[in-house]
Amino acid sequence: MTAIPFLAARPALRFLSMALLGSAVLAASAQVTLPMWPVPATLQTLAVLLIGALGGSRLGAATVALYLAEGAVGLPVFAGGAGPAALMGPTAGFLLGFIPAAVIAGQAGRGALRQAAVLAAAHLAVFVPGVLWLAAHVGLEKAWMAGFLLFVPGTVVKTALAFATMRALRRG
């Protein structure tokens, strides 16, 4: 039995509530920042992976889309500002990459090897549009270095944390 019966009786309301909660978690994760140029290191990708893996592809994509919409209208949810300008700056590709990352993470399924591989692929899905977009601002060589290579150690750690957290929560 659910703690909030009216949410269980209304799937659309439950879905919206979960997306709002997820977007709040994603916004909070953006505030945990290690300042770097031109892309700060945050806990956002960890949150995106968990949102997708635990909520599924559909809820994951909706949550990230809601988060991006919140930032686009000026709510201070992004690590580096808010409003439409934030979705045009150097980090925009990474932000937009959160959508396919959440969808991919939602395919984690069962089995430790599959889950680890899917989470790693989801994390990499953030980097493809991120580095390509960043390259338009700083050039491909700088984008590769500052938008990918510097993030590899943190990416490995965050992917492992997402994997361990997902496994622990799915057992409980």
C-alpha atoms as a PDB file:
ATOM      1  CA  MET A   1       0.000   0.000   0.000  1.00  0.00           C
ATOM      2  CA  THR A   2       1.340   3.412  -0.928  1.00  0.00           C
ATOM      3  CA  ALA A   3       1.859   6.171   1.608  1.00  0.00           C
ATOM      4  CA  ILE A   4      -0.057   8.628  -0.578  1.00  0.00           C
ATOM      5  CA  PRO A   5      -3.177   6.767  -1.817  1.00  0.00           C
ATOM      6  CA  PHE A   6      -4.432   9.539  -4.140  1.00  0.00           C
ATOM      7  CA  LEU A   7      -1.160   9.362  -6.120  1.00  0.00           C
ATOM      8  CA  ALA A   8      -1.522   5.617  -6.623  1.00  0.00           C
ATOM      9  CA  ALA A   9      -5.062   6.109  -7.919  1.00  0.00           C
ATOM     10  CA  ARG A  10      -3.965   8.727 -10.455  1.00  0.00           C
ATOM     11  CA  PRO A  11      -1.049   7.532 -12.596  1.00  0.00           C
ATOM     12  CA  ALA A  12      -0.653  10.862 -14.420  1.00  0.00           C
ATOM     13  CA  LEU A  13      -0.435  12.752 -11.134  1.00  0.00           C
ATOM     14  CA  ARG A  14       2.058  10.213  -9.810  1.00  0.00           C
ATOM     15  CA  PHE A  15       4.164  10.529 -12.977  1.00  0.00           C
ATOM     16  CA  LEU A  16       4.154  14.337 -12.759  1.00  0.00           C
ATOM     17  CA  SER A  17       5.001  14.213  -9.047  1.00  0.00           C
ATOM     18  CA  MET A  18       7.932  11.883  -9.714  1.00  0.00           C
ATOM     19  CA  ALA A  19       9.162  14.101 -12.567  1.00  0.00           C
ATOM     20  CA  LEU A  20       8.973  17.181 -10.326  1.00  0.00           C
ATOM     21  CA  LEU A  21      10.853  15.377  -7.561  1.00  0.00           C
ATOM     22  CA  GLY A  22      13.463  14.177 -10.055  1.00  0.00           C
ATOM     23  CA  SER A  23      13.932  17.663 -11.500  1.00  0.00           C
ATOM     24  CA  ALA A  24      14.466  18.990  -7.957  1.00  0.00           C
ATOM     25  CA  VAL A  25      17.113  16.310  -7.359  1.00  0.00           C
ATOM     26  CA  LEU A  26      18.749  17.214 -10.662  1.00  0.00           C
ATOM     27  CA  ALA A  27      18.693  20.927  -9.776  1.00  0.00           C
ATOM     28  CA  ALA A  28      20.275  20.185  -6.382  1.00  0.00           C
ATOM     29  CA  SER A  29      22.952  18.036  -8.030  1.00  0.00           C
ATOM     30  CA  ALA A  30      23.859  20.991 -10.290  1.00  0.00           C
ATOM     31  CA  GLN A  31      24.724  23.046  -7.225  1.00  0.00           C
ATOM     32  CA  VAL A  32      27.426  20.572  -6.130  1.00  0.00           C
ATOM     33  CA  THR A  33      30.079  22.098  -8.356  1.00  0.00           C
ATOM     34  CA  LEU A  34      33.814  21.907  -8.876  1.00  0.00           C
ATOM     35  CA  PRO A  35      34.525  25.069 -10.859  1.00  0.00           C
ATOM     36  CA  MET A  36      36.366  24.306 -14.075  1.00  0.00           C
ATOM     37  CA  TRP A  37      36.498  26.152 -17.377  1.00  0.00           C
ATOM     38  CA  PRO A  38      34.532  26.078 -19.625  1.00  0.00           C
ATOM     39  CA  VAL A  39      32.463  23.230 -18.161  1.00  0.00           C
ATOM     40  CA  PRO A  40      32.090  22.810 -14.386  1.00  0.00           C
ATOM     41  CA  ALA A  41      32.178  19.366 -12.799  1.00  0.00           C
ATOM     42  CA  THR A  42      28.894  18.619 -11.026  1.00  0.00           C
ATOM     43  CA  LEU A  43      26.894  15.670  -9.744  1.00  0.00           C
ATOM     44  CA  GLN A  44      24.298  16.125 -12.497  1.00  0.00           C
ATOM     45  CA  THR A  45      25.302  13.095 -14.543  1.00  0.00           C
ATOM     46  CA  LEU A  46      25.105  10.908 -11.442  1.00  0.00           C
ATOM     47  CA  ALA A  47      21.573  12.189 -10.858  1.00  0.00           C
ATOM     48  CA  VAL A  48      20.598  11.702 -14.522  1.00  0.00           C
ATOM     49  CA  LEU A  49      21.845   8.114 -14.525  1.00  0.00           C
ATOM     50  CA  LEU A  50      19.950   7.294 -11.327  1.00  0.00           C
ATOM     51  CA  ILE A  51      16.768   9.024 -12.492  1.00  0.00           C
ATOM     52  CA  GLY A  52      16.807   7.012 -15.713  1.00  0.00           C
ATOM     53  CA  ALA A  53      17.895   3.713 -14.172  1.00  0.00           C
ATOM     54  CA  LEU A  54      15.417   3.826 -11.297  1.00  0.00           C
ATOM     55  CA  GLY A  55      12.488   5.549 -13.018  1.00  0.00           C
ATOM     56  CA  GLY A  56      12.783   4.103 -16.497  1.00  0.00           C
ATOM     57  CA  SER A  57      13.365   5.737 -19.863  1.00  0.00           C
ATOM     58  CA  ARG A  58      10.027   7.520 -20.131  1.00  0.00           C
ATOM     59  CA  LEU A  59      10.111   9.097 -16.672  1.00  0.00           C
ATOM     60  CA  GLY A  60      13.826   9.823 -17.043  1.00  0.00           C
ATOM     61  CA  ALA A  61      13.339  11.712 -20.307  1.00  0.00           C
ATOM     62  CA  ALA A  62      10.323  13.602 -18.945  1.00  0.00           C
ATOM     63  CA  THR A  63      12.217  14.560 -15.787  1.00  0.00           C
ATOM     64  CA  VAL A  64      15.195  15.904 -17.718  1.00  0.00           C
ATOM     65  CA  ALA A  65      12.929  17.753 -20.171  1.00  0.00           C
ATOM     66  CA  LEU A  66      11.125  19.350 -17.213  1.00  0.00           C
ATOM     67  CA  TYR A  67      14.471  20.322 -15.672  1.00  0.00           C
ATOM     68  CA  LEU A  68      15.628  21.911 -18.943  1.00  0.00           C
ATOM     69  CA  ALA A  69      12.331  23.788 -19.259  1.00  0.00           C
ATOM     70  CA  GLU A  70      12.679  25.075 -15.696  1.00  0.00           C
ATOM     71  CA  GLY A  71      16.131  26.406 -16.508  1.00  0.00           C
ATOM     72  CA  ALA A  72      15.013  27.847 -19.847  1.00  0.00           C
ATOM     73  CA  VAL A  73      12.349  29.973 -18.175  1.00  0.00           C
ATOM     74  CA  GLY A  74      14.883  31.361 -15.723  1.00  0.00           C
ATOM     75  CA  LEU A  75      14.681  29.183 -12.632  1.00  0.00           C
ATOM     76  CA  PRO A  76      18.190  28.895 -11.117  1.00  0.00           C
ATOM     77  CA  VAL A  77      18.536  25.151 -11.660  1.00  0.00           C
ATOM     78  CA  PHE A  78      21.667  25.003 -13.819  1.00  0.00           C
ATOM     79  CA  ALA A  79      25.208  25.066 -12.476  1.00  0.00           C
ATOM     80  CA  GLY A  80      26.177  28.045 -14.635  1.00  0.00           C
ATOM     81  CA  GLY A  81      23.186  30.335 -14.815  1.00  0.00           C
ATOM     82  CA  ALA A  82      19.642  30.158 -16.048  1.00  0.00           C
ATOM     83  CA  GLY A  83      17.433  31.310 -18.855  1.00  0.00           C
ATOM     84  CA  PRO A  84      17.655  30.790 -22.599  1.00  0.00           C
ATOM     85  CA  ALA A  85      21.276  32.030 -22.668  1.00  0.00           C
ATOM     86  CA  ALA A  86      22.347  29.038 -20.551  1.00  0.00           C
ATOM     87  CA  LEU A  87      20.950  26.774 -23.258  1.00  0.00           C
ATOM     88  CA  MET A  88      23.075  28.514 -25.870  1.00  0.00           C
ATOM     89  CA  GLY A  89      26.365  28.675 -23.950  1.00  0.00           C
ATOM     90  CA  PRO A  90      29.274  26.228 -23.853  1.00  0.00           C
ATOM     91  CA  THR A  91      27.510  23.730 -21.568  1.00  0.00           C
ATOM     92  CA  ALA A  92      24.283  23.489 -23.592  1.00  0.00           C
ATOM     93  CA  GLY A  93      25.332  20.308 -25.410  1.00  0.00           C
ATOM     94  CA  PHE A  94      25.961  18.549 -22.114  1.00  0.00           C
ATOM     95  CA  LEU A  95      22.595  19.675 -20.757  1.00  0.00           C
ATOM     96  CA  LEU A  96      20.797  18.427 -23.871  1.00  0.00           C
ATOM     97  CA  GLY A  97      22.778  15.174 -23.672  1.00  0.00           C
ATOM     98  CA  PHE A  98      21.046  14.460 -20.366  1.00  0.00           C
ATOM     99  CA  ILE A  99      17.900  13.420 -22.266  1.00  0.00           C
ATOM    100  CA  PRO A 100      19.423  10.515 -24.238  1.00  0.00           C
ATOM    101  CA  ALA A 101      21.489   9.607 -21.180  1.00  0.00           C
ATOM    102  CA  ALA A 102      18.338   9.206 -19.069  1.00  0.00           C
ATOM    103  CA  VAL A 103      16.665   7.182 -21.831  1.00  0.00           C
ATOM    104  CA  ILE A 104      19.676   4.880 -22.160  1.00  0.00           C
ATOM    105  CA  ALA A 105      20.026   4.489 -18.367  1.00  0.00           C
ATOM    106  CA  GLY A 106      16.365   3.487 -18.293  1.00  0.00           C
ATOM    107  CA  GLN A 107      17.342   0.372 -20.251  1.00  0.00           C
ATOM    108  CA  ALA A 108      19.613  -0.939 -17.471  1.00  0.00           C
ATOM    109  CA  GLY A 109      17.413  -3.975 -16.874  1.00  0.00           C
ATOM    110  CA  ARG A 110      18.759  -6.911 -14.875  1.00  0.00           C
ATOM    111  CA  GLY A 111      22.204  -8.409 -14.629  1.00  0.00           C
ATOM    112  CA  ALA A 112      25.227  -6.607 -13.234  1.00  0.00           C
ATOM    113  CA  LEU A 113      27.270  -6.637 -16.446  1.00  0.00           C
ATOM    114  CA  ARG A 114      24.404  -5.253 -18.534  1.00  0.00           C
ATOM    115  CA  GLN A 115      23.640  -2.598 -15.924  1.00  0.00           C
ATOM    116  CA  ALA A 116      27.271  -1.446 -15.750  1.00  0.00           C
ATOM    117  CA  ALA A 117      27.564  -1.319 -19.547  1.00  0.00           C
ATOM    118  CA  VAL A 118      24.282   0.564 -19.980  1.00  0.00           C
ATOM    119  CA  LEU A 119      25.192   3.125 -17.305  1.00  0.00           C
ATOM    120  CA  ALA A 120      28.602   3.674 -18.910  1.00  0.00           C
ATOM    121  CA  ALA A 121      26.957   4.117 -22.315  1.00  0.00           C
ATOM    122  CA  ALA A 122      24.450   6.544 -20.801  1.00  0.00           C
ATOM    123  CA  HIS A 123      27.251   8.578 -19.291  1.00  0.00           C
ATOM    124  CA  LEU A 124      29.044   8.689 -22.630  1.00  0.00           C
ATOM    125  CA  ALA A 125      25.815   9.872 -24.287  1.00  0.00           C
ATOM    126  CA  VAL A 126      26.206  13.134 -22.404  1.00  0.00           C
ATOM    127  CA  PHE A 127      29.665  13.699 -23.861  1.00  0.00           C
ATOM    128  CA  VAL A 128      28.829  13.312 -27.557  1.00  0.00           C
ATOM    129  CA  PRO A 129      26.573  16.372 -27.908  1.00  0.00           C
ATOM    130  CA  GLY A 130      28.479  18.108 -25.116  1.00  0.00           C
ATOM    131  CA  VAL A 131      31.894  17.968 -26.752  1.00  0.00           C
ATOM    132  CA  LEU A 132      30.506  18.690 -30.222  1.00  0.00           C
ATOM    133  CA  TRP A 133      28.635  21.780 -28.977  1.00  0.00           C
ATOM    134  CA  LEU A 134      31.602  22.923 -26.902  1.00  0.00           C
ATOM    135  CA  ALA A 135      33.866  22.586 -29.948  1.00  0.00           C
ATOM    136  CA  ALA A 136      31.817  25.294 -31.656  1.00  0.00           C
ATOM    137  CA  HIS A 137      32.766  27.620 -28.795  1.00  0.00           C
ATOM    138  CA  VAL A 138      36.410  26.726 -28.077  1.00  0.00           C
ATOM    139  CA  GLY A 139      37.584  24.480 -30.929  1.00  0.00           C
ATOM    140  CA  LEU A 140      37.703  20.695 -31.112  1.00  0.00           C
ATOM    141  CA  GLU A 141      41.070  20.185 -29.404  1.00  0.00           C
ATOM    142  CA  LYS A 142      40.151  22.294 -26.368  1.00  0.00           C
ATOM    143  CA  ALA A 143      36.679  20.765 -26.276  1.00  0.00           C
ATOM    144  CA  TRP A 144      38.137  17.253 -26.267  1.00  0.00           C
ATOM    145  CA  MET A 145      40.526  18.126 -23.446  1.00  0.00           C
ATOM    146  CA  ALA A 146      38.310  20.398 -21.323  1.00  0.00           C
ATOM    147  CA  GLY A 147      34.993  18.699 -22.105  1.00  0.00           C
ATOM    148  CA  PHE A 148      35.956  15.032 -22.031  1.00  0.00           C
ATOM    149  CA  LEU A 149      39.454  13.981 -20.990  1.00  0.00           C
ATOM    150  CA  LEU A 150      39.455  16.026 -17.776  1.00  0.00           C
ATOM    151  CA  PHE A 151      36.147  14.414 -16.846  1.00  0.00           C
ATOM    152  CA  VAL A 152      37.136  10.765 -17.349  1.00  0.00           C
ATOM    153  CA  PRO A 153      38.179  10.068 -13.719  1.00  0.00           C
ATOM    154  CA  GLY A 154      35.015  11.681 -12.333  1.00  0.00           C
ATOM    155  CA  THR A 155      32.904   9.891 -14.923  1.00  0.00           C
ATOM    156  CA  VAL A 156      34.287   6.528 -13.849  1.00  0.00           C
ATOM    157  CA  VAL A 157      33.575   7.321 -10.186  1.00  0.00           C
ATOM    158  CA  LYS A 158      30.058   8.647 -10.850  1.00  0.00           C
ATOM    159  CA  THR A 159      29.195   5.701 -13.080  1.00  0.00           C
ATOM    160  CA  ALA A 160      30.371   3.304 -10.356  1.00  0.00           C
ATOM    161  CA  LEU A 161      28.349   5.220  -7.745  1.00  0.00           C
ATOM    162  CA  ALA A 162      25.246   5.093  -9.946  1.00  0.00           C
ATOM    163  CA  PHE A 163      25.751   1.356 -10.444  1.00  0.00           C
ATOM    164  CA  ALA A 164      26.220   0.670  -6.715  1.00  0.00           C
ATOM    165  CA  THR A 165      23.293   2.894  -5.721  1.00  0.00           C
ATOM    166  CA  MET A 166      20.974   1.352  -8.309  1.00  0.00           C
ATOM    167  CA  ARG A 167      21.912  -2.168  -7.233  1.00  0.00           C
ATOM    168  CA  ALA A 168      21.405  -1.334  -3.555  1.00  0.00           C
ATOM    169  CA  LEU A 169      18.034   0.344  -4.085  1.00  0.00           C
ATOM    170  CA  ARG A 170      16.704  -2.367  -6.355  1.00  0.00           C
ATOM    171  CA  ARG A 171      17.498  -5.007  -3.713  1.00  0.00           C
ATOM    172  CA  GLY A 172      15.634  -3.147  -0.987  1.00  0.00           C
END
